[in-house]
């Protein structure tokens, strides 16, 4: 009984991506934020069931890693499906914001250290 479930689970991502193993557009990092476009473009084709699930989850901005976890799919498969949606104009992608390279506030760090020392 379990062998059939495992085989189905291995075939499913392959079937979802149409046999594709790599995304054909922008790199989706784990922390890139994806948001569904509302309303969808007038010329948008009817999405597949997994695309619809993604669009529902992306009604509010969501990170690629969280999306993969919610869908219970490998990130690589989700990236391929996201490329489909991006090419169709159904989602927007925002890369993660760069970390500031400014020096830390040494006075604040000293206060934090002193406070932790008093615990």
C-alpha atoms as a PDB file:
ATOM      1  CA  UNK A   1       0.000   0.000   0.000  1.00  0.00           C
ATOM      2  CA  UNK A   2       2.795   2.455   0.900  1.00  0.00           C
ATOM      3  CA  UNK A   3       4.758   1.653  -2.294  1.00  0.00           C
ATOM      4  CA  UNK A   4       2.014   3.065  -4.500  1.00  0.00           C
ATOM      5  CA  UNK A   5       1.918   6.263  -2.461  1.00  0.00           C
ATOM      6  CA  UNK A   6       5.667   6.706  -2.807  1.00  0.00           C
ATOM      7  CA  UNK A   7       5.593   6.102  -6.547  1.00  0.00           C
ATOM      8  CA  UNK A   8       2.726   8.570  -6.969  1.00  0.00           C
ATOM      9  CA  UNK A   9       4.581  11.171  -4.934  1.00  0.00           C
ATOM     10  CA  UNK A  10       7.675  10.783  -7.134  1.00  0.00           C
ATOM     11  CA  UNK A  11       5.726  11.081 -10.379  1.00  0.00           C
ATOM     12  CA  UNK A  12       3.547  13.982  -9.302  1.00  0.00           C
ATOM     13  CA  UNK A  13       6.162  16.791  -9.413  1.00  0.00           C
ATOM     14  CA  UNK A  14       7.353  15.543 -12.810  1.00  0.00           C
ATOM     15  CA  UNK A  15       3.776  15.637 -14.084  1.00  0.00           C
ATOM     16  CA  UNK A  16       3.113  19.081 -12.582  1.00  0.00           C
ATOM     17  CA  UNK A  17       6.047  20.606 -14.419  1.00  0.00           C
ATOM     18  CA  UNK A  18       5.440  18.852 -17.728  1.00  0.00           C
ATOM     19  CA  UNK A  19       8.791  17.105 -17.362  1.00  0.00           C
ATOM     20  CA  UNK A  20      10.730  20.345 -16.861  1.00  0.00           C
ATOM     21  CA  UNK A  21      13.475  20.173 -14.265  1.00  0.00           C
ATOM     22  CA  UNK A  22      14.599  23.809 -14.249  1.00  0.00           C
ATOM     23  CA  UNK A  23      12.749  27.110 -14.292  1.00  0.00           C
ATOM     24  CA  UNK A  24      13.047  28.979 -17.580  1.00  0.00           C
ATOM     25  CA  UNK A  25      12.906  32.475 -16.130  1.00  0.00           C
ATOM     26  CA  UNK A  26      14.050  34.556 -13.180  1.00  0.00           C
ATOM     27  CA  UNK A  27      15.651  32.812 -10.249  1.00  0.00           C
ATOM     28  CA  UNK A  28      13.290  32.492  -7.328  1.00  0.00           C
ATOM     29  CA  UNK A  29      15.297  32.588  -4.132  1.00  0.00           C
ATOM     30  CA  UNK A  30      13.808  31.030  -1.025  1.00  0.00           C
ATOM     31  CA  UNK A  31      13.079  34.437   0.466  1.00  0.00           C
ATOM     32  CA  UNK A  32      11.805  36.210  -2.648  1.00  0.00           C
ATOM     33  CA  UNK A  33       8.263  37.493  -2.112  1.00  0.00           C
ATOM     34  CA  UNK A  34       5.521  36.464  -4.546  1.00  0.00           C
ATOM     35  CA  UNK A  35       2.152  38.211  -4.900  1.00  0.00           C
ATOM     36  CA  UNK A  36      -0.777  37.403  -7.192  1.00  0.00           C
ATOM     37  CA  UNK A  37      -1.772  40.093  -9.684  1.00  0.00           C
ATOM     38  CA  UNK A  38      -5.333  41.252  -9.189  1.00  0.00           C
ATOM     39  CA  UNK A  39      -7.180  41.406 -11.483  1.00  0.00           C
ATOM     40  CA  UNK A  40      -5.517  38.898 -13.800  1.00  0.00           C
ATOM     41  CA  UNK A  41      -4.472  40.104 -17.258  1.00  0.00           C
ATOM     42  CA  UNK A  42      -7.320  40.069 -19.806  1.00  0.00           C
ATOM     43  CA  UNK A  43      -5.431  37.671 -22.099  1.00  0.00           C
ATOM     44  CA  UNK A  44      -4.499  35.243 -19.299  1.00  0.00           C
ATOM     45  CA  UNK A  45      -5.065  31.585 -20.087  1.00  0.00           C
ATOM     46  CA  UNK A  46      -6.963  29.404 -17.631  1.00  0.00           C
ATOM     47  CA  UNK A  47      -4.406  28.216 -15.057  1.00  0.00           C
ATOM     48  CA  UNK A  48      -3.868  24.599 -14.070  1.00  0.00           C
ATOM     49  CA  UNK A  49      -5.112  23.422 -10.620  1.00  0.00           C
ATOM     50  CA  UNK A  50      -1.679  23.803  -8.977  1.00  0.00           C
ATOM     51  CA  UNK A  51      -1.347  27.297 -10.440  1.00  0.00           C
ATOM     52  CA  UNK A  52      -4.744  28.167  -8.944  1.00  0.00           C
ATOM     53  CA  UNK A  53      -3.582  26.924  -5.528  1.00  0.00           C
ATOM     54  CA  UNK A  54      -0.480  29.096  -5.801  1.00  0.00           C
ATOM     55  CA  UNK A  55      -2.513  32.145  -6.816  1.00  0.00           C
ATOM     56  CA  UNK A  56      -4.818  31.689  -3.826  1.00  0.00           C
ATOM     57  CA  UNK A  57      -1.871  31.423  -1.453  1.00  0.00           C
ATOM     58  CA  UNK A  58      -0.280  34.495  -3.041  1.00  0.00           C
ATOM     59  CA  UNK A  59      -3.275  36.769  -2.506  1.00  0.00           C
ATOM     60  CA  UNK A  60      -1.037  38.331   0.141  1.00  0.00           C
ATOM     61  CA  UNK A  61       2.767  38.482  -0.310  1.00  0.00           C
ATOM     62  CA  UNK A  62       4.392  35.166   0.576  1.00  0.00           C
ATOM     63  CA  UNK A  63       7.987  33.898   0.467  1.00  0.00           C
ATOM     64  CA  UNK A  64       8.846  31.144  -2.014  1.00  0.00           C
ATOM     65  CA  UNK A  65      10.005  28.827   0.801  1.00  0.00           C
ATOM     66  CA  UNK A  66       6.734  29.276   2.691  1.00  0.00           C
ATOM     67  CA  UNK A  67       4.771  28.683  -0.498  1.00  0.00           C
ATOM     68  CA  UNK A  68       6.615  25.415  -1.122  1.00  0.00           C
ATOM     69  CA  UNK A  69       5.945  24.320   2.459  1.00  0.00           C
ATOM     70  CA  UNK A  70       2.235  25.122   2.219  1.00  0.00           C
ATOM     71  CA  UNK A  71       1.961  23.255  -1.084  1.00  0.00           C
ATOM     72  CA  UNK A  72       4.060  20.348   0.217  1.00  0.00           C
ATOM     73  CA  UNK A  73       6.150  20.469  -2.962  1.00  0.00           C
ATOM     74  CA  UNK A  74       9.891  20.773  -3.564  1.00  0.00           C
ATOM     75  CA  UNK A  75      11.088  24.361  -4.022  1.00  0.00           C
ATOM     76  CA  UNK A  76      12.424  23.445  -7.477  1.00  0.00           C
ATOM     77  CA  UNK A  77       8.933  22.412  -8.620  1.00  0.00           C
ATOM     78  CA  UNK A  78       7.361  25.533  -7.125  1.00  0.00           C
ATOM     79  CA  UNK A  79       9.941  27.701  -8.935  1.00  0.00           C
ATOM     80  CA  UNK A  80       8.956  26.145 -12.272  1.00  0.00           C
ATOM     81  CA  UNK A  81       5.260  26.728 -11.571  1.00  0.00           C
ATOM     82  CA  UNK A  82       6.015  30.301 -10.480  1.00  0.00           C
ATOM     83  CA  UNK A  83       7.842  30.902 -13.762  1.00  0.00           C
ATOM     84  CA  UNK A  84       4.701  29.841 -15.615  1.00  0.00           C
ATOM     85  CA  UNK A  85       2.658  32.336 -13.623  1.00  0.00           C
ATOM     86  CA  UNK A  86       5.234  35.105 -14.003  1.00  0.00           C
ATOM     87  CA  UNK A  87       5.351  34.632 -17.770  1.00  0.00           C
ATOM     88  CA  UNK A  88       1.534  34.750 -17.859  1.00  0.00           C
ATOM     89  CA  UNK A  89       1.544  38.026 -15.903  1.00  0.00           C
ATOM     90  CA  UNK A  90      -0.338  36.435 -12.981  1.00  0.00           C
ATOM     91  CA  UNK A  91       2.233  37.177 -10.224  1.00  0.00           C
ATOM     92  CA  UNK A  92       4.849  39.715  -9.257  1.00  0.00           C
ATOM     93  CA  UNK A  93       8.142  38.814  -7.585  1.00  0.00           C
ATOM     94  CA  UNK A  94      10.130  40.993  -5.240  1.00  0.00           C
ATOM     95  CA  UNK A  95      13.687  39.997  -4.436  1.00  0.00           C
ATOM     96  CA  UNK A  96      14.725  40.108  -0.794  1.00  0.00           C
ATOM     97  CA  UNK A  97      15.804  43.496   0.484  1.00  0.00           C
ATOM     98  CA  UNK A  98      19.563  43.802   0.864  1.00  0.00           C
ATOM     99  CA  UNK A  99      20.952  43.862   4.365  1.00  0.00           C
ATOM    100  CA  UNK A 100      22.237  47.262   5.382  1.00  0.00           C
ATOM    101  CA  UNK A 101      26.014  47.516   5.477  1.00  0.00           C
ATOM    102  CA  UNK A 102      26.050  50.314   8.062  1.00  0.00           C
ATOM    103  CA  UNK A 103      28.001  49.826  11.245  1.00  0.00           C
ATOM    104  CA  UNK A 104      25.955  48.793  14.273  1.00  0.00           C
ATOM    105  CA  UNK A 105      25.096  51.300  16.983  1.00  0.00           C
ATOM    106  CA  UNK A 106      27.802  50.486  19.527  1.00  0.00           C
ATOM    107  CA  UNK A 107      25.982  52.321  22.329  1.00  0.00           C
ATOM    108  CA  UNK A 108      22.861  50.200  21.773  1.00  0.00           C
ATOM    109  CA  UNK A 109      24.930  47.005  21.668  1.00  0.00           C
ATOM    110  CA  UNK A 110      26.622  47.981  24.954  1.00  0.00           C
ATOM    111  CA  UNK A 111      23.220  48.533  26.598  1.00  0.00           C
ATOM    112  CA  UNK A 112      21.970  45.163  25.358  1.00  0.00           C
ATOM    113  CA  UNK A 113      25.117  43.433  26.672  1.00  0.00           C
ATOM    114  CA  UNK A 114      24.786  45.147  30.045  1.00  0.00           C
ATOM    115  CA  UNK A 115      21.096  44.233  30.237  1.00  0.00           C
ATOM    116  CA  UNK A 116      21.826  40.585  29.428  1.00  0.00           C
ATOM    117  CA  UNK A 117      24.580  40.581  32.060  1.00  0.00           C
ATOM    118  CA  UNK A 118      22.075  41.656  34.708  1.00  0.00           C
ATOM    119  CA  UNK A 119      19.813  38.681  33.971  1.00  0.00           C
END
